[in-house]
Amino acid sequence: MTTSSYRPTLTQGVPFGDPEPDSRAAIYLRVQESPEFQEIRRRYRDFVFPMSLTFLAWYLLYVFASTFARAFMARQLLGVFNVALAFGLLQFVSTFLITWLYARNARSKRDRAALNLRWETQEMFR
């Protein structure tokens, strides 16, 4: 028996092979390969990867500065409020800013296209 002819079976004895042309799996595969879906994924990646790298770099700057630039981080700004505290608070601010930017990006560049693709997919199931 060659590996190309081997097809595992489900417990009910139904062959587990290629999906039928109108099955849900085939429809989802067709949608996944569609240019509309690929465009939604591209728009998602175009935002998420650069933003994730930016946030990671910002976080690592904070960690390295806290570890290796203690004198700089201990510099007083206002009373007992020092640079380290300011950086720490800015981590929270940047998290909320990124969340807001993500929601805005999704709403303006992906949500409508994804909703349209969803409706088209639901029509294929009928």
N, C-alpha and C. Protein backbone atom coordinates (compact mmCIF):
# COMPACT_ATOMS: atom_id res chain seq x y z
N MET A 1 0.86 -1.18 0.00
CA MET A 1 0.00 0.00 0.00
C MET A 1 0.90 1.24 0.00
N THR A 2 0.69 2.14 -0.93
CA THR A 2 1.48 3.36 -0.99
C THR A 2 0.83 4.43 -0.14
N THR A 3 1.61 5.43 0.21
CA THR A 3 1.07 6.51 1.04
C THR A 3 0.02 7.32 0.32
N SER A 4 0.10 7.40 -1.02
CA SER A 4 -0.88 8.19 -1.76
C SER A 4 -2.24 7.50 -1.82
N SER A 5 -2.25 6.16 -1.70
CA SER A 5 -3.54 5.47 -1.75
C SER A 5 -4.13 5.25 -0.36
N TYR A 6 -3.38 5.52 0.67
CA TYR A 6 -3.87 5.32 2.03
C TYR A 6 -4.78 6.46 2.45
N ARG A 7 -5.96 6.14 2.92
CA ARG A 7 -6.90 7.14 3.42
C ARG A 7 -7.45 6.65 4.74
N PRO A 8 -7.20 7.37 5.82
CA PRO A 8 -7.75 6.93 7.10
C PRO A 8 -9.26 7.01 7.09
N THR A 9 -9.91 6.22 7.93
CA THR A 9 -11.37 6.22 8.00
C THR A 9 -11.82 6.73 9.35
N LEU A 10 -13.03 7.27 9.38
CA LEU A 10 -13.64 7.70 10.63
C LEU A 10 -14.20 6.48 11.35
N THR A 11 -14.62 6.63 12.58
CA THR A 11 -15.12 5.49 13.36
C THR A 11 -16.38 4.90 12.74
N GLN A 12 -17.18 5.67 11.99
CA GLN A 12 -18.39 5.15 11.36
C GLN A 12 -18.08 4.41 10.07
N GLY A 13 -16.85 4.40 9.63
CA GLY A 13 -16.50 3.70 8.42
C GLY A 13 -16.63 4.55 7.17
N VAL A 14 -16.94 5.84 7.31
CA VAL A 14 -17.05 6.74 6.16
C VAL A 14 -15.64 7.18 5.79
N PRO A 15 -15.26 7.08 4.52
CA PRO A 15 -13.89 7.47 4.15
C PRO A 15 -13.64 8.94 4.44
N PHE A 16 -12.44 9.19 4.88
CA PHE A 16 -12.01 10.56 5.17
C PHE A 16 -11.12 10.99 4.02
N GLY A 17 -11.71 11.45 2.96
CA GLY A 17 -10.93 11.82 1.77
C GLY A 17 -11.21 13.24 1.38
N ASP A 18 -11.18 13.48 0.09
CA ASP A 18 -11.45 14.80 -0.44
C ASP A 18 -12.89 15.20 -0.12
N PRO A 19 -13.11 16.46 0.23
CA PRO A 19 -14.48 16.87 0.53
C PRO A 19 -15.33 16.90 -0.73
N GLU A 20 -16.60 16.68 -0.56
CA GLU A 20 -17.53 16.77 -1.69
C GLU A 20 -17.53 18.20 -2.20
N PRO A 21 -17.85 18.41 -3.49
CA PRO A 21 -17.79 19.74 -4.06
C PRO A 21 -18.63 20.77 -3.31
N ASP A 22 -19.76 20.39 -2.76
CA ASP A 22 -20.63 21.36 -2.09
C ASP A 22 -20.54 21.26 -0.57
N SER A 23 -19.57 20.56 -0.04
CA SER A 23 -19.47 20.42 1.41
C SER A 23 -18.96 21.72 2.03
N ARG A 24 -19.17 21.84 3.31
CA ARG A 24 -18.71 23.03 4.04
C ARG A 24 -17.20 23.21 3.93
N ALA A 25 -16.47 22.11 4.03
CA ALA A 25 -15.01 22.19 3.96
C ALA A 25 -14.57 22.74 2.60
N ALA A 26 -15.18 22.28 1.55
CA ALA A 26 -14.82 22.76 0.21
C ALA A 26 -15.15 24.23 0.05
N ILE A 27 -16.28 24.64 0.61
CA ILE A 27 -16.66 26.06 0.54
C ILE A 27 -15.66 26.91 1.30
N TYR A 28 -15.30 26.47 2.51
CA TYR A 28 -14.33 27.24 3.30
C TYR A 28 -12.97 27.29 2.62
N LEU A 29 -12.56 26.21 1.99
CA LEU A 29 -11.30 26.22 1.26
C LEU A 29 -11.35 27.19 0.08
N ARG A 30 -12.48 27.19 -0.62
CA ARG A 30 -12.66 28.12 -1.74
C ARG A 30 -12.60 29.57 -1.25
N VAL A 31 -13.25 29.85 -0.12
CA VAL A 31 -13.24 31.20 0.43
C VAL A 31 -11.83 31.58 0.86
N GLN A 32 -11.13 30.66 1.51
CA GLN A 32 -9.77 30.93 1.98
C GLN A 32 -8.84 31.27 0.82
N GLU A 33 -9.05 30.66 -0.32
CA GLU A 33 -8.20 30.91 -1.49
C GLU A 33 -8.65 32.11 -2.32
N SER A 34 -9.78 32.70 -1.96
CA SER A 34 -10.31 33.81 -2.76
C SER A 34 -9.47 35.07 -2.59
N PRO A 35 -9.43 35.93 -3.62
CA PRO A 35 -8.67 37.18 -3.52
C PRO A 35 -9.21 38.10 -2.42
N GLU A 36 -10.52 38.06 -2.18
CA GLU A 36 -11.10 38.91 -1.14
C GLU A 36 -10.58 38.52 0.24
N PHE A 37 -10.53 37.23 0.52
CA PHE A 37 -10.02 36.76 1.81
C PHE A 37 -8.54 37.07 1.95
N GLN A 38 -7.79 36.87 0.89
CA GLN A 38 -6.36 37.16 0.93
C GLN A 38 -6.11 38.65 1.17
N GLU A 39 -6.96 39.50 0.61
CA GLU A 39 -6.83 40.95 0.84
C GLU A 39 -7.11 41.30 2.29
N ILE A 40 -8.11 40.68 2.90
CA ILE A 40 -8.40 40.91 4.31
C ILE A 40 -7.22 40.48 5.16
N ARG A 41 -6.66 39.32 4.87
CA ARG A 41 -5.50 38.84 5.62
C ARG A 41 -4.31 39.76 5.43
N ARG A 42 -4.09 40.25 4.21
CA ARG A 42 -2.96 41.16 3.95
C ARG A 42 -3.11 42.44 4.76
N ARG A 43 -4.32 42.98 4.77
CA ARG A 43 -4.56 44.21 5.54
C ARG A 43 -4.35 43.98 7.04
N TYR A 44 -4.74 42.82 7.50
CA TYR A 44 -4.52 42.47 8.91
C TYR A 44 -3.02 42.40 9.22
N ARG A 45 -2.28 41.67 8.39
CA ARG A 45 -0.83 41.54 8.60
C ARG A 45 -0.11 42.87 8.48
N ASP A 46 -0.57 43.71 7.53
CA ASP A 46 0.08 45.01 7.34
C ASP A 46 -0.02 45.89 8.58
N PHE A 47 -1.04 45.66 9.39
CA PHE A 47 -1.15 46.43 10.63
C PHE A 47 -0.50 45.71 11.81
N VAL A 48 -0.81 44.44 11.97
CA VAL A 48 -0.43 43.72 13.19
C VAL A 48 1.07 43.52 13.31
N PHE A 49 1.74 43.08 12.26
CA PHE A 49 3.16 42.80 12.39
C PHE A 49 3.99 44.04 12.71
N PRO A 50 3.86 45.14 11.98
CA PRO A 50 4.65 46.32 12.34
C PRO A 50 4.30 46.85 13.74
N MET A 51 3.01 46.83 14.09
CA MET A 51 2.62 47.34 15.40
C MET A 51 3.16 46.44 16.51
N SER A 52 3.14 45.15 16.30
CA SER A 52 3.68 44.22 17.31
C SER A 52 5.18 44.43 17.48
N LEU A 53 5.89 44.58 16.38
CA LEU A 53 7.34 44.82 16.47
C LEU A 53 7.64 46.15 17.15
N THR A 54 6.85 47.16 16.84
CA THR A 54 7.04 48.46 17.47
C THR A 54 6.82 48.37 18.97
N PHE A 55 5.73 47.71 19.38
CA PHE A 55 5.45 47.60 20.80
C PHE A 55 6.52 46.75 21.50
N LEU A 56 6.97 45.67 20.86
CA LEU A 56 8.01 44.84 21.46
C LEU A 56 9.30 45.64 21.63
N ALA A 57 9.67 46.43 20.63
CA ALA A 57 10.87 47.26 20.73
C ALA A 57 10.72 48.28 21.87
N TRP A 58 9.55 48.89 21.98
CA TRP A 58 9.29 49.87 23.04
C TRP A 58 9.38 49.20 24.41
N TYR A 59 8.82 48.01 24.55
CA TYR A 59 8.87 47.28 25.81
C TYR A 59 10.30 46.89 26.16
N LEU A 60 11.04 46.38 25.16
CA LEU A 60 12.43 45.98 25.42
C LEU A 60 13.30 47.18 25.77
N LEU A 61 13.03 48.34 25.17
CA LEU A 61 13.74 49.57 25.55
C LEU A 61 13.52 49.85 27.03
N TYR A 62 12.30 49.72 27.49
CA TYR A 62 11.96 49.93 28.90
C TYR A 62 12.71 48.93 29.79
N VAL A 63 12.70 47.66 29.40
CA VAL A 63 13.37 46.64 30.20
C VAL A 63 14.88 46.86 30.24
N PHE A 64 15.48 47.10 29.07
CA PHE A 64 16.93 47.32 29.03
C PHE A 64 17.33 48.60 29.74
N ALA A 65 16.55 49.64 29.59
CA ALA A 65 16.86 50.89 30.30
C ALA A 65 16.75 50.68 31.81
N SER A 66 15.77 49.92 32.25
CA SER A 66 15.63 49.63 33.68
C SER A 66 16.79 48.81 34.20
N THR A 67 17.35 47.96 33.34
CA THR A 67 18.45 47.09 33.76
C THR A 67 19.81 47.76 33.65
N PHE A 68 20.06 48.45 32.54
CA PHE A 68 21.40 48.94 32.26
C PHE A 68 21.57 50.46 32.41
N ALA A 69 20.50 51.20 32.47
CA ALA A 69 20.61 52.66 32.60
C ALA A 69 19.90 53.11 33.88
N ARG A 70 20.33 52.55 34.99
CA ARG A 70 19.66 52.83 36.26
C ARG A 70 19.72 54.31 36.64
N ALA A 71 20.83 54.95 36.36
CA ALA A 71 20.96 56.37 36.70
C ALA A 71 19.96 57.21 35.91
N PHE A 72 19.82 56.89 34.64
CA PHE A 72 18.86 57.62 33.80
C PHE A 72 17.43 57.37 34.28
N MET A 73 17.10 56.13 34.56
CA MET A 73 15.74 55.79 34.98
C MET A 73 15.41 56.36 36.36
N ALA A 74 16.42 56.58 37.19
CA ALA A 74 16.20 57.12 38.53
C ALA A 74 16.10 58.65 38.53
N ARG A 75 16.35 59.28 37.40
CA ARG A 75 16.32 60.75 37.34
C ARG A 75 14.93 61.26 37.70
N GLN A 76 14.89 62.19 38.64
CA GLN A 76 13.64 62.76 39.13
C GLN A 76 13.04 63.71 38.07
N LEU A 77 11.74 63.61 37.86
CA LEU A 77 11.04 64.52 36.96
C LEU A 77 10.21 65.52 37.75
N LEU A 78 9.32 65.03 38.58
CA LEU A 78 8.47 65.86 39.45
C LEU A 78 8.37 65.20 40.81
N GLY A 79 8.99 65.73 41.81
CA GLY A 79 8.94 65.14 43.13
C GLY A 79 9.52 63.74 43.11
N VAL A 80 8.72 62.76 43.53
CA VAL A 80 9.19 61.37 43.53
C VAL A 80 8.92 60.68 42.19
N PHE A 81 8.30 61.37 41.27
CA PHE A 81 7.99 60.83 39.95
C PHE A 81 9.25 60.86 39.11
N ASN A 82 9.77 59.66 38.75
CA ASN A 82 11.02 59.60 38.00
C ASN A 82 10.79 59.05 36.59
N VAL A 83 11.86 58.95 35.83
CA VAL A 83 11.78 58.49 34.45
C VAL A 83 11.24 57.06 34.38
N ALA A 84 11.64 56.20 35.28
CA ALA A 84 11.17 54.81 35.28
C ALA A 84 9.66 54.76 35.45
N LEU A 85 9.12 55.55 36.35
CA LEU A 85 7.67 55.59 36.55
C LEU A 85 6.98 56.12 35.30
N ALA A 86 7.56 57.14 34.68
CA ALA A 86 6.98 57.70 33.46
C ALA A 86 6.97 56.64 32.35
N PHE A 87 8.09 55.91 32.19
CA PHE A 87 8.14 54.85 31.18
C PHE A 87 7.10 53.77 31.47
N GLY A 88 6.97 53.39 32.74
CA GLY A 88 5.99 52.37 33.12
C GLY A 88 4.57 52.80 32.79
N LEU A 89 4.23 54.04 33.11
CA LEU A 89 2.89 54.54 32.79
C LEU A 89 2.69 54.65 31.29
N LEU A 90 3.74 55.02 30.57
CA LEU A 90 3.63 55.11 29.12
C LEU A 90 3.44 53.74 28.47
N GLN A 91 3.86 52.67 29.15
CA GLN A 91 3.57 51.33 28.65
C GLN A 91 2.06 51.10 28.63
N PHE A 92 1.38 51.52 29.69
CA PHE A 92 -0.09 51.38 29.72
C PHE A 92 -0.74 52.27 28.66
N VAL A 93 -0.27 53.49 28.55
CA VAL A 93 -0.82 54.41 27.55
C VAL A 93 -0.63 53.84 26.15
N SER A 94 0.55 53.30 25.86
CA SER A 94 0.80 52.75 24.53
C SER A 94 -0.07 51.52 24.27
N THR A 95 -0.34 50.72 25.30
CA THR A 95 -1.23 49.57 25.13
C THR A 95 -2.63 50.01 24.74
N PHE A 96 -3.15 51.01 25.45
CA PHE A 96 -4.49 51.52 25.11
C PHE A 96 -4.49 52.18 23.73
N LEU A 97 -3.44 52.88 23.40
CA LEU A 97 -3.35 53.52 22.08
C LEU A 97 -3.34 52.47 20.97
N ILE A 98 -2.56 51.42 21.15
CA ILE A 98 -2.51 50.36 20.14
C ILE A 98 -3.87 49.68 20.00
N THR A 99 -4.55 49.46 21.12
CA THR A 99 -5.88 48.86 21.08
C THR A 99 -6.84 49.74 20.29
N TRP A 100 -6.81 51.03 20.54
CA TRP A 100 -7.67 51.97 19.82
C TRP A 100 -7.32 51.99 18.32
N LEU A 101 -6.02 52.02 18.01
CA LEU A 101 -5.60 52.01 16.61
C LEU A 101 -6.01 50.72 15.91
N TYR A 102 -5.91 49.60 16.62
CA TYR A 102 -6.32 48.32 16.03
C TYR A 102 -7.81 48.32 15.72
N ALA A 103 -8.62 48.77 16.66
CA ALA A 103 -10.07 48.80 16.44
C ALA A 103 -10.41 49.74 15.29
N ARG A 104 -9.76 50.87 15.23
CA ARG A 104 -10.00 51.82 14.14
C ARG A 104 -9.59 51.23 12.79
N ASN A 105 -8.43 50.56 12.77
CA ASN A 105 -7.96 49.93 11.55
C ASN A 105 -8.90 48.82 11.10
N ALA A 106 -9.35 48.00 12.04
CA ALA A 106 -10.27 46.91 11.70
C ALA A 106 -11.58 47.46 11.16
N ARG A 107 -12.08 48.49 11.81
CA ARG A 107 -13.36 49.08 11.39
C ARG A 107 -13.25 49.70 10.00
N SER A 108 -12.15 50.37 9.73
CA SER A 108 -12.05 51.09 8.46
C SER A 108 -11.53 50.24 7.30
N LYS A 109 -10.74 49.19 7.57
CA LYS A 109 -10.09 48.48 6.47
C LYS A 109 -10.46 47.01 6.34
N ARG A 110 -11.10 46.42 7.36
CA ARG A 110 -11.36 44.98 7.26
C ARG A 110 -12.79 44.58 7.55
N ASP A 111 -13.47 45.24 8.45
CA ASP A 111 -14.78 44.78 8.90
C ASP A 111 -15.80 44.67 7.77
N ARG A 112 -15.91 45.69 6.93
CA ARG A 112 -16.90 45.67 5.86
C ARG A 112 -16.60 44.54 4.87
N ALA A 113 -15.34 44.40 4.49
CA ALA A 113 -14.95 43.34 3.55
C ALA A 113 -15.19 41.96 4.16
N ALA A 114 -14.89 41.80 5.44
CA ALA A 114 -15.11 40.51 6.10
C ALA A 114 -16.59 40.20 6.20
N LEU A 115 -17.39 41.22 6.49
CA LEU A 115 -18.84 41.00 6.57
C LEU A 115 -19.41 40.60 5.21
N ASN A 116 -18.97 41.28 4.16
CA ASN A 116 -19.42 40.92 2.81
C ASN A 116 -19.02 39.49 2.46
N LEU A 117 -17.79 39.12 2.80
CA LEU A 117 -17.33 37.76 2.53
C LEU A 117 -18.13 36.75 3.34
N ARG A 118 -18.48 37.11 4.55
CA ARG A 118 -19.30 36.21 5.38
C ARG A 118 -20.67 35.98 4.76
N TRP A 119 -21.29 37.07 4.29
CA TRP A 119 -22.62 36.92 3.66
C TRP A 119 -22.53 36.07 2.40
N GLU A 120 -21.48 36.28 1.60
CA GLU A 120 -21.30 35.47 0.40
C GLU A 120 -21.11 33.99 0.76
N THR A 121 -20.35 33.75 1.82
CA THR A 121 -20.14 32.36 2.27
C THR A 121 -21.45 31.74 2.74
N GLN A 122 -22.24 32.49 3.48
CA GLN A 122 -23.52 31.96 3.96
C GLN A 122 -24.44 31.64 2.79
N GLU A 123 -24.38 32.45 1.74
CA GLU A 123 -25.19 32.17 0.55
C GLU A 123 -24.77 30.87 -0.12
N MET A 124 -23.49 30.54 -0.06
CA MET A 124 -23.02 29.28 -0.66
C MET A 124 -23.55 28.07 0.07
N PHE A 125 -23.87 28.22 1.36
CA PHE A 125 -24.38 27.10 2.16
C PHE A 125 -25.84 26.80 1.86
N ARG A 126 -26.53 27.70 1.22
CA ARG A 126 -27.97 27.50 0.96
C ARG A 126 -28.22 26.64 -0.23
